[in-house]
Amino acid sequence: MSKPSDLVQGTLDLLILKILALEPLHAWAIGQRLKQVSKEVLQVSDGSLYPALHKLEHEGWITAEWKQSDNNRRAKYYRLTAPGRRHLEREAANWNRLAAAISSVVKLKEA
């Protein structure tokens, strides 16, 4: 199971932005969606998720508002902003380029 410290720096931000590109969610739901989509390979602790959300909000890439959750609790819902969408597109392109380069090296045939 990967831990956030095992991931390339900035990857958690990219994953959060991508999840929020689909729909606004509260923090717990973001963590659950990441776990679900990655087939439980990626799990993020509150100690990593909340600072990342705070940073993304500070950068202006996401906004937040308080709403009632499905279980009638007050929760802070995060939503991707237009600048956040542009940042996501750039970072996703960079990630794809980096992943392709790493894959090329990993697939080298041994002598």
PDB file of N, CA and C in Angstrom:
ATOM      1  N   MET A   1       0.848  -1.168   0.000  1.00  0.00           N
ATOM      2  CA  MET A   1       0.000   0.000   0.000  1.00  0.00           C
ATOM      3  C   MET A   1       0.896   1.235   0.000  1.00  0.00           C
ATOM      4  N   SER A   2       0.683   2.141  -0.943  1.00  0.00           N
ATOM      5  CA  SER A   2       1.472   3.363  -1.020  1.00  0.00           C
ATOM      6  C   SER A   2       1.047   4.346   0.050  1.00  0.00           C
ATOM      7  N   LYS A   3       2.016   5.049   0.572  1.00  0.00           N
ATOM      8  CA  LYS A   3       1.756   6.111   1.521  1.00  0.00           C
ATOM      9  C   LYS A   3       2.057   7.425   0.806  1.00  0.00           C
ATOM     10  N   PRO A   4       1.473   8.537   1.217  1.00  0.00           N
ATOM     11  CA  PRO A   4       1.765   9.804   0.551  1.00  0.00           C
ATOM     12  C   PRO A   4       3.254  10.099   0.459  1.00  0.00           C
ATOM     13  N   SER A   5       4.059   9.707   1.466  1.00  0.00           N
ATOM     14  CA  SER A   5       5.486   9.961   1.401  1.00  0.00           C
ATOM     15  C   SER A   5       6.160   9.145   0.307  1.00  0.00           C
ATOM     16  N   ASP A   6       5.516   8.074  -0.146  1.00  0.00           N
ATOM     17  CA  ASP A   6       6.065   7.248  -1.211  1.00  0.00           C
ATOM     18  C   ASP A   6       5.781   7.837  -2.589  1.00  0.00           C
ATOM     19  N   LEU A   7       4.839   8.752  -2.672  1.00  0.00           N
ATOM     20  CA  LEU A   7       4.425   9.293  -3.952  1.00  0.00           C
ATOM     21  C   LEU A   7       5.336  10.432  -4.372  1.00  0.00           C
ATOM     22  N   VAL A   8       5.430  10.649  -5.674  1.00  0.00           N
ATOM     23  CA  VAL A   8       6.186  11.772  -6.199  1.00  0.00           C
ATOM     24  C   VAL A   8       5.567  13.051  -5.632  1.00  0.00           C
ATOM     25  N   GLN A   9       6.422  13.984  -5.221  1.00  0.00           N
ATOM     26  CA  GLN A   9       5.920  15.221  -4.632  1.00  0.00           C
ATOM     27  C   GLN A   9       4.935  15.893  -5.585  1.00  0.00           C
ATOM     28  N   GLY A  10       3.806  16.329  -5.068  1.00  0.00           N
ATOM     29  CA  GLY A  10       2.782  16.979  -5.881  1.00  0.00           C
ATOM     30  C   GLY A  10       1.726  16.030  -6.402  1.00  0.00           C
ATOM     31  N   THR A  11       1.963  14.730  -6.285  1.00  0.00           N
ATOM     32  CA  THR A  11       1.016  13.751  -6.800  1.00  0.00           C
ATOM     33  C   THR A  11      -0.311  13.806  -6.054  1.00  0.00           C
ATOM     34  N   LEU A  12      -0.279  13.965  -4.744  1.00  0.00           N
ATOM     35  CA  LEU A  12      -1.514  14.028  -3.975  1.00  0.00           C
ATOM     36  C   LEU A  12      -2.362  15.218  -4.436  1.00  0.00           C
ATOM     37  N   ASP A  13      -1.716  16.350  -4.685  1.00  0.00           N
ATOM     38  CA  ASP A  13      -2.443  17.518  -5.191  1.00  0.00           C
ATOM     39  C   ASP A  13      -3.137  17.186  -6.507  1.00  0.00           C
ATOM     40  N   LEU A  14      -2.411  16.546  -7.398  1.00  0.00           N
ATOM     41  CA  LEU A  14      -2.965  16.158  -8.704  1.00  0.00           C
ATOM     42  C   LEU A  14      -4.165  15.228  -8.531  1.00  0.00           C
ATOM     43  N   LEU A  15      -4.038  14.250  -7.648  1.00  0.00           N
ATOM     44  CA  LEU A  15      -5.125  13.296  -7.428  1.00  0.00           C
ATOM     45  C   LEU A  15      -6.364  13.979  -6.850  1.00  0.00           C
ATOM     46  N   ILE A  16      -6.156  14.881  -5.905  1.00  0.00           N
ATOM     47  CA  ILE A  16      -7.279  15.611  -5.314  1.00  0.00           C
ATOM     48  C   ILE A  16      -7.964  16.470  -6.370  1.00  0.00           C
ATOM     49  N   LEU A  17      -7.182  17.193  -7.159  1.00  0.00           N
ATOM     50  CA  LEU A  17      -7.765  18.041  -8.200  1.00  0.00           C
ATOM     51  C   LEU A  17      -8.568  17.212  -9.198  1.00  0.00           C
ATOM     52  N   LYS A  18      -8.042  16.062  -9.576  1.00  0.00           N
ATOM     53  CA  LYS A  18      -8.741  15.203 -10.532  1.00  0.00           C
ATOM     54  C   LYS A  18     -10.065  14.705  -9.950  1.00  0.00           C
ATOM     55  N   ILE A  19     -10.047  14.295  -8.698  1.00  0.00           N
ATOM     56  CA  ILE A  19     -11.278  13.823  -8.052  1.00  0.00           C
ATOM     57  C   ILE A  19     -12.306  14.948  -7.980  1.00  0.00           C
ATOM     58  N   LEU A  20     -11.843  16.160  -7.653  1.00  0.00           N
ATOM     59  CA  LEU A  20     -12.765  17.290  -7.555  1.00  0.00           C
ATOM     60  C   LEU A  20     -13.229  17.802  -8.918  1.00  0.00           C
ATOM     61  N   ALA A  21     -12.513  17.440  -9.982  1.00  0.00           N
ATOM     62  CA  ALA A  21     -12.959  17.811 -11.330  1.00  0.00           C
ATOM     63  C   ALA A  21     -14.258  17.086 -11.673  1.00  0.00           C
ATOM     64  N   LEU A  22     -14.501  15.961 -11.026  1.00  0.00           N
ATOM     65  CA  LEU A  22     -15.702  15.172 -11.294  1.00  0.00           C
ATOM     66  C   LEU A  22     -16.920  15.722 -10.574  1.00  0.00           C
ATOM     67  N   GLU A  23     -16.726  16.166  -9.306  1.00  0.00           N
ATOM     68  CA  GLU A  23     -17.830  16.720  -8.522  1.00  0.00           C
ATOM     69  C   GLU A  23     -17.296  17.280  -7.215  1.00  0.00           C
ATOM     70  N   PRO A  24     -17.990  18.261  -6.636  1.00  0.00           N
ATOM     71  CA  PRO A  24     -17.588  18.761  -5.315  1.00  0.00           C
ATOM     72  C   PRO A  24     -17.780  17.665  -4.263  1.00  0.00           C
ATOM     73  N   LEU A  25     -16.825  17.570  -3.346  1.00  0.00           N
ATOM     74  CA  LEU A  25     -16.877  16.555  -2.288  1.00  0.00           C
ATOM     75  C   LEU A  25     -16.304  17.126  -1.003  1.00  0.00           C
ATOM     76  N   HIS A  26     -16.664  16.508   0.122  1.00  0.00           N
ATOM     77  CA  HIS A  26     -16.026  16.864   1.390  1.00  0.00           C
ATOM     78  C   HIS A  26     -14.797  15.974   1.564  1.00  0.00           C
ATOM     79  N   ALA A  27     -13.959  16.342   2.515  1.00  0.00           N
ATOM     80  CA  ALA A  27     -12.647  15.693   2.669  1.00  0.00           C
ATOM     81  C   ALA A  27     -12.747  14.177   2.829  1.00  0.00           C
ATOM     82  N   TRP A  28     -13.638  13.711   3.697  1.00  0.00           N
ATOM     83  CA  TRP A  28     -13.748  12.274   3.905  1.00  0.00           C
ATOM     84  C   TRP A  28     -14.102  11.562   2.598  1.00  0.00           C
ATOM     85  N   ALA A  29     -15.009  12.145   1.824  1.00  0.00           N
ATOM     86  CA  ALA A  29     -15.420  11.540   0.554  1.00  0.00           C
ATOM     87  C   ALA A  29     -14.279  11.549  -0.461  1.00  0.00           C
ATOM     88  N   ILE A  30     -13.432  12.575  -0.420  1.00  0.00           N
ATOM     89  CA  ILE A  30     -12.267  12.621  -1.319  1.00  0.00           C
ATOM     90  C   ILE A  30     -11.353  11.439  -1.011  1.00  0.00           C
ATOM     91  N   GLY A  31     -11.069  11.226   0.267  1.00  0.00           N
ATOM     92  CA  GLY A  31     -10.226  10.099   0.673  1.00  0.00           C
ATOM     93  C   GLY A  31     -10.829   8.761   0.277  1.00  0.00           C
ATOM     94  N   GLN A  32     -12.136   8.632   0.458  1.00  0.00           N
ATOM     95  CA  GLN A  32     -12.815   7.383   0.093  1.00  0.00           C
ATOM     96  C   GLN A  32     -12.796   7.158  -1.420  1.00  0.00           C
ATOM     97  N   ARG A  33     -13.012   8.222  -2.188  1.00  0.00           N
ATOM     98  CA  ARG A  33     -13.000   8.093  -3.652  1.00  0.00           C
ATOM     99  C   ARG A  33     -11.623   7.689  -4.147  1.00  0.00           C
ATOM    100  N   LEU A  34     -10.581   8.286  -3.582  1.00  0.00           N
ATOM    101  CA  LEU A  34      -9.216   7.927  -3.952  1.00  0.00           C
ATOM    102  C   LEU A  34      -8.955   6.456  -3.659  1.00  0.00           C
ATOM    103  N   LYS A  35      -9.374   6.009  -2.507  1.00  0.00           N
ATOM    104  CA  LYS A  35      -9.211   4.608  -2.115  1.00  0.00           C
ATOM    105  C   LYS A  35      -9.985   3.692  -3.062  1.00  0.00           C
ATOM    106  N   GLN A  36     -11.225   4.067  -3.376  1.00  0.00           N
ATOM    107  CA  GLN A  36     -12.090   3.263  -4.238  1.00  0.00           C
ATOM    108  C   GLN A  36     -11.539   3.169  -5.669  1.00  0.00           C
ATOM    109  N   VAL A  37     -11.207   4.306  -6.241  1.00  0.00           N
ATOM    110  CA  VAL A  37     -10.747   4.328  -7.636  1.00  0.00           C
ATOM    111  C   VAL A  37      -9.418   3.596  -7.795  1.00  0.00           C
ATOM    112  N   SER A  38      -8.567   3.665  -6.774  1.00  0.00           N
ATOM    113  CA  SER A  38      -7.256   3.002  -6.841  1.00  0.00           C
ATOM    114  C   SER A  38      -7.319   1.546  -6.392  1.00  0.00           C
ATOM    115  N   LYS A  39      -8.537   1.037  -6.187  1.00  0.00           N
ATOM    116  CA  LYS A  39      -8.727  -0.342  -5.712  1.00  0.00           C
ATOM    117  C   LYS A  39      -7.957  -0.570  -4.409  1.00  0.00           C
ATOM    118  N   GLU A  40      -8.045   0.414  -3.526  1.00  0.00           N
ATOM    119  CA  GLU A  40      -7.465   0.396  -2.190  1.00  0.00           C
ATOM    120  C   GLU A  40      -5.940   0.390  -2.157  1.00  0.00           C
ATOM    121  N   VAL A  41      -5.295   0.721  -3.281  1.00  0.00           N
ATOM    122  CA  VAL A  41      -3.839   0.824  -3.301  1.00  0.00           C
ATOM    123  C   VAL A  41      -3.403   2.146  -2.671  1.00  0.00           C
ATOM    124  N   LEU A  42      -4.154   3.211  -2.964  1.00  0.00           N
ATOM    125  CA  LEU A  42      -3.820   4.530  -2.438  1.00  0.00           C
ATOM    126  C   LEU A  42      -4.776   4.897  -1.315  1.00  0.00           C
ATOM    127  N   GLN A  43      -4.205   5.181  -0.170  1.00  0.00           N
ATOM    128  CA  GLN A  43      -4.989   5.637   0.973  1.00  0.00           C
ATOM    129  C   GLN A  43      -4.252   6.823   1.565  1.00  0.00           C
ATOM    130  N   VAL A  44      -4.983   7.862   1.853  1.00  0.00           N
ATOM    131  CA  VAL A  44      -4.364   9.072   2.363  1.00  0.00           C
ATOM    132  C   VAL A  44      -4.889   9.345   3.779  1.00  0.00           C
ATOM    133  N   SER A  45      -3.976   9.687   4.653  1.00  0.00           N
ATOM    134  CA  SER A  45      -4.351   9.986   6.037  1.00  0.00           C
ATOM    135  C   SER A  45      -4.880  11.415   6.131  1.00  0.00           C
ATOM    136  N   ASP A  46      -5.635  11.677   7.182  1.00  0.00           N
ATOM    137  CA  ASP A  46      -6.117  13.038   7.426  1.00  0.00           C
ATOM    138  C   ASP A  46      -4.948  14.005   7.558  1.00  0.00           C
ATOM    139  N   GLY A  47      -3.852  13.520   8.124  1.00  0.00           N
ATOM    140  CA  GLY A  47      -2.671  14.351   8.317  1.00  0.00           C
ATOM    141  C   GLY A  47      -2.006  14.772   7.026  1.00  0.00           C
ATOM    142  N   SER A  48      -2.296  14.089   5.932  1.00  0.00           N
ATOM    143  CA  SER A  48      -1.795  14.482   4.615  1.00  0.00           C
ATOM    144  C   SER A  48      -2.880  15.183   3.800  1.00  0.00           C
ATOM    145  N   LEU A  49      -4.126  14.698   3.930  1.00  0.00           N
ATOM    146  CA  LEU A  49      -5.222  15.229   3.119  1.00  0.00           C
ATOM    147  C   LEU A  49      -5.561  16.675   3.480  1.00  0.00           C
ATOM    148  N   TYR A  50      -5.744  16.963   4.746  1.00  0.00           N
ATOM    149  CA  TYR A  50      -6.173  18.314   5.138  1.00  0.00           C
ATOM    150  C   TYR A  50      -5.137  19.391   4.813  1.00  0.00           C
ATOM    151  N   PRO A  51      -3.834  19.159   5.057  1.00  0.00           N
ATOM    152  CA  PRO A  51      -2.860  20.172   4.623  1.00  0.00           C
ATOM    153  C   PRO A  51      -2.852  20.372   3.103  1.00  0.00           C
ATOM    154  N   ALA A  52      -3.044  19.287   2.351  1.00  0.00           N
ATOM    155  CA  ALA A  52      -3.086  19.410   0.890  1.00  0.00           C
ATOM    156  C   ALA A  52      -4.300  20.233   0.459  1.00  0.00           C
ATOM    157  N   LEU A  53      -5.450  19.976   1.063  1.00  0.00           N
ATOM    158  CA  LEU A  53      -6.656  20.752   0.737  1.00  0.00           C
ATOM    159  C   LEU A  53      -6.455  22.222   1.088  1.00  0.00           C
ATOM    160  N   HIS A  54      -5.853  22.483   2.235  1.00  0.00           N
ATOM    161  CA  HIS A  54      -5.598  23.862   2.653  1.00  0.00           C
ATOM    162  C   HIS A  54      -4.683  24.556   1.647  1.00  0.00           C
ATOM    163  N   LYS A  55      -3.639  23.870   1.218  1.00  0.00           N
ATOM    164  CA  LYS A  55      -2.699  24.432   0.253  1.00  0.00           C
ATOM    165  C   LYS A  55      -3.399  24.726  -1.077  1.00  0.00           C
ATOM    166  N   LEU A  56      -4.189  23.771  -1.561  1.00  0.00           N
ATOM    167  CA  LEU A  56      -4.902  23.957  -2.828  1.00  0.00           C
ATOM    168  C   LEU A  56      -5.886  25.121  -2.749  1.00  0.00           C
ATOM    169  N   GLU A  57      -6.518  25.274  -1.595  1.00  0.00           N
ATOM    170  CA  GLU A  57      -7.444  26.390  -1.400  1.00  0.00           C
ATOM    171  C   GLU A  57      -6.673  27.714  -1.365  1.00  0.00           C
ATOM    172  N   HIS A  58      -5.544  27.722  -0.693  1.00  0.00           N
ATOM    173  CA  HIS A  58      -4.699  28.915  -0.610  1.00  0.00           C
ATOM    174  C   HIS A  58      -4.203  29.337  -1.999  1.00  0.00           C
ATOM    175  N   GLU A  59      -3.890  28.360  -2.839  1.00  0.00           N
ATOM    176  CA  GLU A  59      -3.417  28.639  -4.204  1.00  0.00           C
ATOM    177  C   GLU A  59      -4.541  29.132  -5.118  1.00  0.00           C
ATOM    178  N   GLY A  60      -5.792  28.956  -4.681  1.00  0.00           N
ATOM    179  CA  GLY A  60      -6.927  29.375  -5.497  1.00  0.00           C
ATOM    180  C   GLY A  60      -7.384  28.312  -6.481  1.00  0.00           C
ATOM    181  N   TRP A  61      -6.882  27.095  -6.323  1.00  0.00           N
ATOM    182  CA  TRP A  61      -7.237  26.018  -7.253  1.00  0.00           C
ATOM    183  C   TRP A  61      -8.523  25.316  -6.854  1.00  0.00           C
ATOM    184  N   ILE A  62      -8.903  25.443  -5.585  1.00  0.00           N
ATOM    185  CA  ILE A  62     -10.189  24.926  -5.116  1.00  0.00           C
ATOM    186  C   ILE A  62     -10.818  25.975  -4.201  1.00  0.00           C
ATOM    187  N   THR A  63     -12.138  25.892  -4.048  1.00  0.00           N
ATOM    188  CA  THR A  63     -12.839  26.710  -3.063  1.00  0.00           C
ATOM    189  C   THR A  63     -13.629  25.757  -2.183  1.00  0.00           C
ATOM    190  N   ALA A  64     -14.099  26.287  -1.059  1.00  0.00           N
ATOM    191  CA  ALA A  64     -14.846  25.437  -0.134  1.00  0.00           C
ATOM    192  C   ALA A  64     -16.047  26.190   0.415  1.00  0.00           C
ATOM    193  N   GLU A  65     -17.100  25.439   0.680  1.00  0.00           N
ATOM    194  CA  GLU A  65     -18.257  26.004   1.362  1.00  0.00           C
ATOM    195  C   GLU A  65     -18.875  24.939   2.255  1.00  0.00           C
ATOM    196  N   TRP A  66     -19.456  25.400   3.354  1.00  0.00           N
ATOM    197  CA  TRP A  66     -20.085  24.495   4.305  1.00  0.00           C
ATOM    198  C   TRP A  66     -21.474  24.129   3.820  1.00  0.00           C
ATOM    199  N   LYS A  67     -21.791  22.818   3.841  1.00  0.00           N
ATOM    200  CA  LYS A  67     -23.101  22.303   3.444  1.00  0.00           C
ATOM    201  C   LYS A  67     -23.456  21.122   4.343  1.00  0.00           C
ATOM    202  N   GLN A  68     -24.681  20.657   4.208  1.00  0.00           N
ATOM    203  CA  GLN A  68     -25.117  19.437   4.891  1.00  0.00           C
ATOM    204  C   GLN A  68     -24.668  18.233   4.067  1.00  0.00           C
ATOM    205  N   SER A  69     -24.078  17.260   4.720  1.00  0.00           N
ATOM    206  CA  SER A  69     -23.665  16.036   4.035  1.00  0.00           C
ATOM    207  C   SER A  69     -24.864  15.093   3.923  1.00  0.00           C
ATOM    208  N   ASP A  70     -24.662  13.981   3.265  1.00  0.00           N
ATOM    209  CA  ASP A  70     -25.732  12.990   3.091  1.00  0.00           C
ATOM    210  C   ASP A  70     -26.273  12.478   4.421  1.00  0.00           C
ATOM    211  N   ASN A  71     -25.428  12.477   5.451  1.00  0.00           N
ATOM    212  CA  ASN A  71     -25.877  11.997   6.761  1.00  0.00           C
ATOM    213  C   ASN A  71     -26.263  13.148   7.702  1.00  0.00           C
ATOM    214  N   ASN A  72     -26.634  14.283   7.093  1.00  0.00           N
ATOM    215  CA  ASN A  72     -27.120  15.468   7.822  1.00  0.00           C
ATOM    216  C   ASN A  72     -26.102  16.082   8.777  1.00  0.00           C
ATOM    217  N   ARG A  73     -24.837  15.938   8.468  1.00  0.00           N
ATOM    218  CA  ARG A  73     -23.802  16.604   9.250  1.00  0.00           C
ATOM    219  C   ARG A  73     -23.268  17.773   8.433  1.00  0.00           C
ATOM    220  N   ARG A  74     -22.786  18.757   9.131  1.00  0.00           N
ATOM    221  CA  ARG A  74     -22.187  19.911   8.462  1.00  0.00           C
ATOM    222  C   ARG A  74     -20.796  19.507   7.980  1.00  0.00           C
ATOM    223  N   ALA A  75     -20.524  19.740   6.693  1.00  0.00           N
ATOM    224  CA  ALA A  75     -19.232  19.358   6.123  1.00  0.00           C
ATOM    225  C   ALA A  75     -18.767  20.428   5.140  1.00  0.00           C
ATOM    226  N   LYS A  76     -17.469  20.582   5.039  1.00  0.00           N
ATOM    227  CA  LYS A  76     -16.875  21.544   4.113  1.00  0.00           C
ATOM    228  C   LYS A  76     -16.699  20.850   2.764  1.00  0.00           C
ATOM    229  N   TYR A  77     -17.415  21.327   1.759  1.00  0.00           N
ATOM    230  CA  TYR A  77     -17.345  20.761   0.417  1.00  0.00           C
ATOM    231  C   TYR A  77     -16.365  21.563  -0.432  1.00  0.00           C
ATOM    232  N   TYR A  78     -15.485  20.851  -1.113  1.00  0.00           N
ATOM    233  CA  TYR A  78     -14.461  21.470  -1.944  1.00  0.00           C
ATOM    234  C   TYR A  78     -14.853  21.348  -3.410  1.00  0.00           C
ATOM    235  N   ARG A  79     -14.551  22.412  -4.165  1.00  0.00           N
ATOM    236  CA  ARG A  79     -14.904  22.458  -5.576  1.00  0.00           C
ATOM    237  C   ARG A  79     -13.716  23.014  -6.352  1.00  0.00           C
ATOM    238  N   LEU A  80     -13.481  22.478  -7.538  1.00  0.00           N
ATOM    239  CA  LEU A  80     -12.405  22.944  -8.413  1.00  0.00           C
ATOM    240  C   LEU A  80     -12.773  24.304  -8.996  1.00  0.00           C
ATOM    241  N   THR A  81     -11.812  25.229  -9.056  1.00  0.00           N
ATOM    242  CA  THR A  81     -12.020  26.541  -9.667  1.00  0.00           C
ATOM    243  C   THR A  81     -11.515  26.502 -11.114  1.00  0.00           C
ATOM    244  N   ALA A  82     -11.799  27.544 -11.874  1.00  0.00           N
ATOM    245  CA  ALA A  82     -11.295  27.624 -13.255  1.00  0.00           C
ATOM    246  C   ALA A  82      -9.760  27.594 -13.287  1.00  0.00           C
ATOM    247  N   PRO A  83      -9.074  28.383 -12.435  1.00  0.00           N
ATOM    248  CA  PRO A  83      -7.608  28.266 -12.403  1.00  0.00           C
ATOM    249  C   PRO A  83      -7.153  26.868 -11.980  1.00  0.00           C
ATOM    250  N   GLY A  84      -7.910  26.229 -11.103  1.00  0.00           N
ATOM    251  CA  GLY A  84      -7.592  24.868 -10.680  1.00  0.00           C
ATOM    252  C   GLY A  84      -7.716  23.885 -11.823  1.00  0.00           C
ATOM    253  N   ARG A  85      -8.709  24.077 -12.670  1.00  0.00           N
ATOM    254  CA  ARG A  85      -8.894  23.204 -13.836  1.00  0.00           C
ATOM    255  C   ARG A  85      -7.714  23.356 -14.809  1.00  0.00           C
ATOM    256  N   ARG A  86      -7.274  24.603 -15.015  1.00  0.00           N
ATOM    257  CA  ARG A  86      -6.111  24.826 -15.902  1.00  0.00           C
ATOM    258  C   ARG A  86      -4.849  24.204 -15.303  1.00  0.00           C
ATOM    259  N   HIS A  87      -4.690  24.358 -13.989  1.00  0.00           N
ATOM    260  CA  HIS A  87      -3.535  23.765 -13.314  1.00  0.00           C
ATOM    261  C   HIS A  87      -3.584  22.234 -13.418  1.00  0.00           C
ATOM    262  N   LEU A  88      -4.761  21.665 -13.238  1.00  0.00           N
ATOM    263  CA  LEU A  88      -4.938  20.216 -13.364  1.00  0.00           C
ATOM    264  C   LEU A  88      -4.529  19.742 -14.749  1.00  0.00           C
ATOM    265  N   GLU A  89      -4.944  20.444 -15.776  1.00  0.00           N
ATOM    266  CA  GLU A  89      -4.588  20.046 -17.150  1.00  0.00           C
ATOM    267  C   GLU A  89      -3.078  20.048 -17.347  1.00  0.00           C
ATOM    268  N   ARG A  90      -2.406  21.095 -16.853  1.00  0.00           N
ATOM    269  CA  ARG A  90      -0.939  21.163 -16.982  1.00  0.00           C
ATOM    270  C   ARG A  90      -0.260  20.040 -16.200  1.00  0.00           C
ATOM    271  N   GLU A  91      -0.708  19.834 -14.951  1.00  0.00           N
ATOM    272  CA  GLU A  91      -0.085  18.814 -14.113  1.00  0.00           C
ATOM    273  C   GLU A  91      -0.358  17.402 -14.623  1.00  0.00           C
ATOM    274  N   ALA A  92      -1.541  17.167 -15.170  1.00  0.00           N
ATOM    275  CA  ALA A  92      -1.854  15.846 -15.734  1.00  0.00           C
ATOM    276  C   ALA A  92      -0.960  15.578 -16.943  1.00  0.00           C
ATOM    277  N   ALA A  93      -0.745  16.590 -17.774  1.00  0.00           N
ATOM    278  CA  ALA A  93       0.149  16.422 -18.935  1.00  0.00           C
ATOM    279  C   ALA A  93       1.574  16.129 -18.469  1.00  0.00           C
ATOM    280  N   ASN A  94       2.031  16.853 -17.441  1.00  0.00           N
ATOM    281  CA  ASN A  94       3.376  16.597 -16.898  1.00  0.00           C
ATOM    282  C   ASN A  94       3.468  15.199 -16.312  1.00  0.00           C
ATOM    283  N   TRP A  95       2.419  14.773 -15.600  1.00  0.00           N
ATOM    284  CA  TRP A  95       2.407  13.440 -15.007  1.00  0.00           C
ATOM    285  C   TRP A  95       2.482  12.372 -16.094  1.00  0.00           C
ATOM    286  N   ASN A  96       1.701  12.526 -17.146  1.00  0.00           N
ATOM    287  CA  ASN A  96       1.699  11.539 -18.231  1.00  0.00           C
ATOM    288  C   ASN A  96       3.067  11.447 -18.892  1.00  0.00           C
ATOM    289  N   ARG A  97       3.734  12.590 -19.065  1.00  0.00           N
ATOM    290  CA  ARG A  97       5.075  12.601 -19.653  1.00  0.00           C
ATOM    291  C   ARG A  97       6.062  11.885 -18.726  1.00  0.00           C
ATOM    292  N   LEU A  98       5.995  12.181 -17.430  1.00  0.00           N
ATOM    293  CA  LEU A  98       6.884  11.555 -16.451  1.00  0.00           C
ATOM    294  C   LEU A  98       6.615  10.049 -16.346  1.00  0.00           C
ATOM    295  N   ALA A  99       5.351   9.658 -16.296  1.00  0.00           N
ATOM    296  CA  ALA A  99       4.997   8.234 -16.191  1.00  0.00           C
ATOM    297  C   ALA A  99       5.484   7.463 -17.413  1.00  0.00           C
ATOM    298  N   ALA A 100       5.368   8.059 -18.595  1.00  0.00           N
ATOM    299  CA  ALA A 100       5.837   7.396 -19.817  1.00  0.00           C
ATOM    300  C   ALA A 100       7.359   7.224 -19.775  1.00  0.00           C
ATOM    301  N   ALA A 101       8.070   8.240 -19.292  1.00  0.00           N
ATOM    302  CA  ALA A 101       9.528   8.155 -19.209  1.00  0.00           C
ATOM    303  C   ALA A 101       9.953   7.076 -18.206  1.00  0.00           C
ATOM    304  N   ILE A 102       9.311   7.030 -17.066  1.00  0.00           N
ATOM    305  CA  ILE A 102       9.633   6.011 -16.055  1.00  0.00           C
ATOM    306  C   ILE A 102       9.318   4.621 -16.598  1.00  0.00           C
ATOM    307  N   SER A 103       8.190   4.482 -17.257  1.00  0.00           N
ATOM    308  CA  SER A 103       7.798   3.202 -17.828  1.00  0.00           C
ATOM    309  C   SER A 103       8.822   2.721 -18.848  1.00  0.00           C
ATOM    310  N   SER A 104       9.349   3.631 -19.646  1.00  0.00           N
ATOM    311  CA  SER A 104      10.373   3.265 -20.635  1.00  0.00           C
ATOM    312  C   SER A 104      11.603   2.675 -19.964  1.00  0.00           C
ATOM    313  N   VAL A 105      12.001   3.264 -18.850  1.00  0.00           N
ATOM    314  CA  VAL A 105      13.180   2.782 -18.130  1.00  0.00           C
ATOM    315  C   VAL A 105      12.884   1.427 -17.487  1.00  0.00           C
ATOM    316  N   VAL A 106      11.737   1.294 -16.850  1.00  0.00           N
ATOM    317  CA  VAL A 106      11.373   0.043 -16.166  1.00  0.00           C
ATOM    318  C   VAL A 106      11.276  -1.122 -17.160  1.00  0.00           C
ATOM    319  N   LYS A 107      10.861  -0.855 -18.381  1.00  0.00           N
ATOM    320  CA  LYS A 107      10.678  -1.901 -19.381  1.00  0.00           C
ATOM    321  C   LYS A 107      11.951  -2.307 -20.114  1.00  0.00           C
ATOM    322  N   LEU A 108      13.092  -1.707 -19.755  1.00  0.00           N
ATOM    323  CA  LEU A 108      14.357  -2.053 -20.414  1.00  0.00           C
ATOM    324  C   LEU A 108      14.642  -3.550 -20.228  1.00  0.00           C
ATOM    325  N   LYS A 109      15.103  -4.180 -21.263  1.00  0.00           N
ATOM    326  CA  LYS A 109      15.463  -5.600 -21.203  1.00  0.00           C
ATOM    327  C   LYS A 109      16.825  -5.752 -20.551  1.00  0.00           C
ATOM    328  N   GLU A 110      16.897  -6.686 -19.630  1.00  0.00           N
ATOM    329  CA  GLU A 110      18.170  -6.926 -18.955  1.00  0.00           C
ATOM    330  C   GLU A 110      19.083  -7.744 -19.847  1.00  0.00           C
ATOM    331  N   ALA A 111      20.398  -7.513 -19.684  1.00  0.00           N
ATOM    332  CA  ALA A 111      21.397  -8.219 -20.505  1.00  0.00           C
ATOM    333  C   ALA A 111      21.600  -9.633 -20.032  1.00  0.00           C
TER     334      ALA A 111
END
